[in-house]
Amino acid sequence: MPDTDPKFDELKQKYAPVLRLIEQEGVSLSHLDLRDGKLFLQGVAHSEDARNKILNEIQRINPDWQSDLTCDLRSERQQTDAPQAGQTVVQSGQGFANRN
């Protein structure tokens, strides 16, 4: 069932340019809802550049965006760089390395 809270509609309208950019950039949103009175969006961008464009647009719309928005937006690179079972976290320019 869709969220029908007036605050949700208000925040979606406020951040409509961000939502359009998310669509244009092909970001895969896993969550778009209202949590603790804030617009919550979570997803994965295809690139760090796309992620940065969206974060910059959020900042342009509202420099104090944390007051009404929670944004958990990762790039695919951030998703694939997570350590896997059997790996020791060794951060380098190449991501994580297997030290076994």
N, C-alpha and C. Protein backbone atom coordinates (compact mmCIF):
# COMPACT_ATOMS: atom_id res chain seq x y z
N MET A 1 0.85 -1.19 0.00
CA MET A 1 0.00 0.00 0.00
C MET A 1 0.89 1.25 0.00
N PRO A 2 0.63 2.20 -0.86
CA PRO A 2 1.47 3.39 -0.93
C PRO A 2 1.33 4.26 0.31
N ASP A 3 2.40 4.96 0.61
CA ASP A 3 2.41 5.88 1.74
C ASP A 3 1.56 7.09 1.37
N THR A 4 0.54 7.40 2.16
CA THR A 4 -0.37 8.51 1.84
C THR A 4 -0.25 9.66 2.83
N ASP A 5 0.76 9.65 3.65
CA ASP A 5 0.99 10.71 4.61
C ASP A 5 1.22 12.03 3.87
N PRO A 6 0.54 13.11 4.26
CA PRO A 6 0.74 14.41 3.58
C PRO A 6 2.20 14.87 3.62
N LYS A 7 2.91 14.55 4.70
CA LYS A 7 4.32 14.93 4.82
C LYS A 7 5.14 14.22 3.74
N PHE A 8 4.81 12.97 3.46
CA PHE A 8 5.49 12.21 2.41
C PHE A 8 5.31 12.90 1.05
N ASP A 9 4.05 13.27 0.76
CA ASP A 9 3.77 13.96 -0.50
C ASP A 9 4.48 15.30 -0.59
N GLU A 10 4.52 16.02 0.52
CA GLU A 10 5.19 17.33 0.57
C GLU A 10 6.69 17.18 0.28
N LEU A 11 7.31 16.19 0.90
CA LEU A 11 8.75 16.00 0.71
C LEU A 11 9.07 15.46 -0.68
N LYS A 12 8.21 14.60 -1.21
CA LYS A 12 8.42 14.14 -2.59
C LYS A 12 8.35 15.31 -3.56
N GLN A 13 7.44 16.23 -3.31
CA GLN A 13 7.33 17.42 -4.17
C GLN A 13 8.57 18.30 -4.02
N LYS A 14 9.01 18.50 -2.80
CA LYS A 14 10.19 19.33 -2.55
C LYS A 14 11.42 18.77 -3.27
N TYR A 15 11.58 17.45 -3.20
CA TYR A 15 12.75 16.79 -3.79
C TYR A 15 12.46 16.19 -5.16
N ALA A 16 11.42 16.65 -5.83
CA ALA A 16 11.05 16.15 -7.15
C ALA A 16 12.21 16.23 -8.15
N PRO A 17 13.00 17.33 -8.16
CA PRO A 17 14.14 17.36 -9.10
C PRO A 17 15.15 16.24 -8.83
N VAL A 18 15.32 15.88 -7.58
CA VAL A 18 16.23 14.79 -7.22
C VAL A 18 15.65 13.47 -7.72
N LEU A 19 14.36 13.27 -7.52
CA LEU A 19 13.72 12.03 -7.97
C LEU A 19 13.78 11.90 -9.49
N ARG A 20 13.63 13.02 -10.20
CA ARG A 20 13.77 12.98 -11.67
C ARG A 20 15.20 12.63 -12.08
N LEU A 21 16.17 13.21 -11.38
CA LEU A 21 17.58 12.93 -11.67
C LEU A 21 17.90 11.46 -11.38
N ILE A 22 17.35 10.93 -10.31
CA ILE A 22 17.54 9.52 -9.98
C ILE A 22 17.04 8.65 -11.13
N GLU A 23 15.90 9.00 -11.67
CA GLU A 23 15.35 8.25 -12.81
C GLU A 23 16.24 8.41 -14.04
N GLN A 24 16.64 9.64 -14.33
CA GLN A 24 17.49 9.91 -15.51
C GLN A 24 18.83 9.18 -15.43
N GLU A 25 19.38 9.08 -14.23
CA GLU A 25 20.69 8.45 -14.04
C GLU A 25 20.59 6.94 -13.91
N GLY A 26 19.37 6.41 -13.93
CA GLY A 26 19.19 4.96 -13.86
C GLY A 26 19.51 4.35 -12.51
N VAL A 27 19.33 5.14 -11.46
CA VAL A 27 19.58 4.64 -10.10
C VAL A 27 18.50 3.65 -9.73
N SER A 28 18.92 2.57 -9.11
CA SER A 28 17.99 1.55 -8.64
C SER A 28 17.61 1.86 -7.20
N LEU A 29 16.39 2.36 -7.00
CA LEU A 29 15.93 2.68 -5.65
C LEU A 29 15.32 1.45 -5.01
N SER A 30 15.77 1.13 -3.81
CA SER A 30 15.18 0.02 -3.07
C SER A 30 14.15 0.52 -2.07
N HIS A 31 14.28 1.77 -1.64
CA HIS A 31 13.33 2.34 -0.69
C HIS A 31 13.09 3.81 -1.00
N LEU A 32 11.83 4.20 -0.96
CA LEU A 32 11.42 5.60 -1.02
C LEU A 32 10.17 5.68 -0.17
N ASP A 33 10.35 6.15 1.07
CA ASP A 33 9.22 6.23 1.99
C ASP A 33 9.49 7.28 3.06
N LEU A 34 8.60 7.36 4.01
CA LEU A 34 8.71 8.31 5.10
C LEU A 34 9.11 7.55 6.36
N ARG A 35 10.21 7.96 6.97
CA ARG A 35 10.68 7.34 8.21
C ARG A 35 11.06 8.43 9.19
N ASP A 36 10.48 8.34 10.37
CA ASP A 36 10.77 9.33 11.42
C ASP A 36 10.55 10.76 10.94
N GLY A 37 9.52 10.95 10.13
CA GLY A 37 9.18 12.28 9.64
C GLY A 37 10.07 12.81 8.53
N LYS A 38 10.95 11.95 8.01
CA LYS A 38 11.87 12.36 6.93
C LYS A 38 11.64 11.49 5.71
N LEU A 39 11.92 12.07 4.55
CA LEU A 39 11.91 11.29 3.33
C LEU A 39 13.14 10.38 3.37
N PHE A 40 12.92 9.10 3.17
CA PHE A 40 14.01 8.12 3.20
C PHE A 40 14.18 7.55 1.80
N LEU A 41 15.39 7.72 1.25
CA LEU A 41 15.66 7.06 -0.01
C LEU A 41 16.95 6.29 0.08
N GLN A 42 16.87 5.10 -0.51
CA GLN A 42 18.00 4.19 -0.48
C GLN A 42 18.11 3.52 -1.85
N GLY A 43 19.32 3.45 -2.35
CA GLY A 43 19.49 2.83 -3.65
C GLY A 43 20.93 2.72 -4.06
N VAL A 44 21.11 2.26 -5.30
CA VAL A 44 22.44 2.04 -5.86
C VAL A 44 22.53 2.75 -7.21
N ALA A 45 23.55 3.62 -7.33
CA ALA A 45 23.83 4.31 -8.58
C ALA A 45 24.82 3.49 -9.39
N HIS A 46 24.77 3.61 -10.71
CA HIS A 46 25.65 2.83 -11.58
C HIS A 46 27.09 3.32 -11.53
N SER A 47 27.30 4.56 -11.05
CA SER A 47 28.66 5.10 -10.98
C SER A 47 28.75 6.11 -9.84
N GLU A 48 29.99 6.38 -9.47
CA GLU A 48 30.24 7.40 -8.45
C GLU A 48 29.83 8.78 -8.97
N ASP A 49 30.02 9.01 -10.27
CA ASP A 49 29.62 10.28 -10.88
C ASP A 49 28.11 10.50 -10.76
N ALA A 50 27.33 9.47 -11.05
CA ALA A 50 25.87 9.59 -10.93
C ALA A 50 25.48 9.85 -9.48
N ARG A 51 26.11 9.14 -8.57
CA ARG A 51 25.84 9.33 -7.14
C ARG A 51 26.13 10.78 -6.73
N ASN A 52 27.28 11.30 -7.16
CA ASN A 52 27.66 12.66 -6.80
C ASN A 52 26.71 13.70 -7.39
N LYS A 53 26.24 13.48 -8.62
CA LYS A 53 25.27 14.41 -9.22
C LYS A 53 24.02 14.50 -8.36
N ILE A 54 23.56 13.36 -7.89
CA ILE A 54 22.34 13.32 -7.08
C ILE A 54 22.57 13.99 -5.73
N LEU A 55 23.70 13.70 -5.10
CA LEU A 55 24.01 14.32 -3.81
C LEU A 55 24.15 15.84 -3.95
N ASN A 56 24.75 16.29 -5.05
CA ASN A 56 24.87 17.73 -5.29
C ASN A 56 23.50 18.38 -5.49
N GLU A 57 22.59 17.69 -6.16
CA GLU A 57 21.25 18.22 -6.37
C GLU A 57 20.49 18.31 -5.04
N ILE A 58 20.67 17.33 -4.20
CA ILE A 58 20.05 17.38 -2.87
C ILE A 58 20.55 18.61 -2.12
N GLN A 59 21.86 18.82 -2.14
CA GLN A 59 22.47 19.96 -1.45
C GLN A 59 21.99 21.28 -2.04
N ARG A 60 21.81 21.33 -3.36
CA ARG A 60 21.34 22.55 -4.01
C ARG A 60 19.92 22.90 -3.56
N ILE A 61 19.08 21.90 -3.46
CA ILE A 61 17.69 22.12 -3.07
C ILE A 61 17.59 22.54 -1.61
N ASN A 62 18.39 21.90 -0.77
CA ASN A 62 18.31 22.19 0.66
C ASN A 62 19.67 21.96 1.31
N PRO A 63 20.42 23.04 1.56
CA PRO A 63 21.72 22.89 2.21
C PRO A 63 21.62 22.20 3.59
N ASP A 64 20.47 22.27 4.22
CA ASP A 64 20.24 21.63 5.52
C ASP A 64 19.39 20.36 5.33
N TRP A 65 19.69 19.60 4.27
CA TRP A 65 18.85 18.48 3.86
C TRP A 65 18.68 17.40 4.93
N GLN A 66 19.63 17.25 5.85
CA GLN A 66 19.51 16.21 6.87
C GLN A 66 18.31 16.43 7.79
N SER A 67 17.76 17.64 7.77
CA SER A 67 16.61 17.92 8.62
C SER A 67 15.33 17.25 8.12
N ASP A 68 15.27 16.92 6.83
CA ASP A 68 14.04 16.30 6.31
C ASP A 68 14.28 15.17 5.31
N LEU A 69 15.54 14.73 5.19
CA LEU A 69 15.86 13.67 4.23
C LEU A 69 16.94 12.75 4.80
N THR A 70 16.74 11.47 4.63
CA THR A 70 17.78 10.48 4.92
C THR A 70 18.10 9.82 3.59
N CYS A 71 19.35 9.92 3.18
CA CYS A 71 19.76 9.41 1.88
C CYS A 71 20.88 8.39 2.05
N ASP A 72 20.59 7.15 1.67
CA ASP A 72 21.59 6.08 1.67
C ASP A 72 21.77 5.66 0.22
N LEU A 73 22.63 6.37 -0.45
CA LEU A 73 22.85 6.15 -1.88
C LEU A 73 24.29 5.70 -2.08
N ARG A 74 24.45 4.53 -2.64
CA ARG A 74 25.77 3.96 -2.87
C ARG A 74 25.99 3.80 -4.36
N SER A 75 27.25 3.74 -4.74
CA SER A 75 27.55 3.43 -6.13
C SER A 75 27.79 1.93 -6.24
N GLU A 76 27.67 1.39 -7.45
CA GLU A 76 27.93 -0.04 -7.65
C GLU A 76 29.33 -0.40 -7.18
N ARG A 77 30.27 0.50 -7.36
CA ARG A 77 31.66 0.26 -6.92
C ARG A 77 31.68 0.04 -5.41
N GLN A 78 30.93 0.85 -4.66
CA GLN A 78 30.88 0.67 -3.21
C GLN A 78 30.26 -0.66 -2.86
N GLN A 79 29.28 -1.10 -3.64
CA GLN A 79 28.62 -2.38 -3.40
C GLN A 79 29.59 -3.54 -3.62
N THR A 80 30.37 -3.50 -4.69
CA THR A 80 31.23 -4.62 -5.03
C THR A 80 32.54 -4.61 -4.26
N ASP A 81 32.89 -3.51 -3.63
CA ASP A 81 34.13 -3.43 -2.87
C ASP A 81 34.02 -4.00 -1.46
N ALA A 82 32.84 -4.42 -1.05
CA ALA A 82 32.67 -4.95 0.29
C ALA A 82 33.48 -6.24 0.44
N PRO A 83 34.12 -6.43 1.59
CA PRO A 83 34.90 -7.65 1.77
C PRO A 83 34.00 -8.88 1.77
N GLN A 84 34.50 -9.96 1.21
CA GLN A 84 33.77 -11.21 1.15
C GLN A 84 34.31 -12.15 2.22
N ALA A 85 33.60 -13.23 2.46
CA ALA A 85 34.04 -14.23 3.43
C ALA A 85 35.43 -14.71 3.06
N GLY A 86 36.30 -14.82 4.05
CA GLY A 86 37.65 -15.29 3.79
C GLY A 86 38.62 -14.18 3.43
N GLN A 87 38.16 -12.95 3.35
CA GLN A 87 39.05 -11.83 3.03
C GLN A 87 39.34 -11.04 4.29
N THR A 88 40.55 -10.55 4.36
CA THR A 88 40.94 -9.62 5.40
C THR A 88 40.88 -8.24 4.77
N VAL A 89 40.31 -7.30 5.48
CA VAL A 89 40.16 -5.96 4.91
C VAL A 89 41.51 -5.27 4.85
N VAL A 90 41.97 -5.05 3.64
CA VAL A 90 43.19 -4.28 3.39
C VAL A 90 42.80 -3.26 2.35
N GLN A 91 42.64 -2.02 2.77
CA GLN A 91 42.17 -1.00 1.85
C GLN A 91 43.32 -0.52 0.98
N SER A 92 43.06 -0.50 -0.31
CA SER A 92 44.04 0.00 -1.27
C SER A 92 43.27 0.68 -2.38
N GLY A 93 43.96 1.22 -3.33
CA GLY A 93 43.32 1.83 -4.48
C GLY A 93 42.54 0.82 -5.31
N GLN A 94 42.82 -0.45 -5.12
CA GLN A 94 42.17 -1.49 -5.89
C GLN A 94 41.00 -2.14 -5.14
N GLY A 95 40.66 -1.64 -3.98
CA GLY A 95 39.55 -2.23 -3.21
C GLY A 95 40.10 -3.11 -2.10
N PHE A 96 39.51 -4.27 -1.90
CA PHE A 96 39.91 -5.16 -0.83
C PHE A 96 40.72 -6.31 -1.40
N ALA A 97 41.71 -6.74 -0.66
CA ALA A 97 42.58 -7.81 -1.13
C ALA A 97 42.44 -9.03 -0.22
N ASN A 98 42.61 -10.19 -0.82
CA ASN A 98 42.56 -11.43 -0.07
C ASN A 98 43.94 -11.66 0.51
N ARG A 99 44.03 -11.72 1.82
CA ARG A 99 45.33 -11.88 2.48
C ARG A 99 45.59 -13.33 2.90
N ASN A 100 44.75 -14.26 2.47
CA ASN A 100 44.90 -15.67 2.87
C ASN A 100 45.84 -16.40 1.96
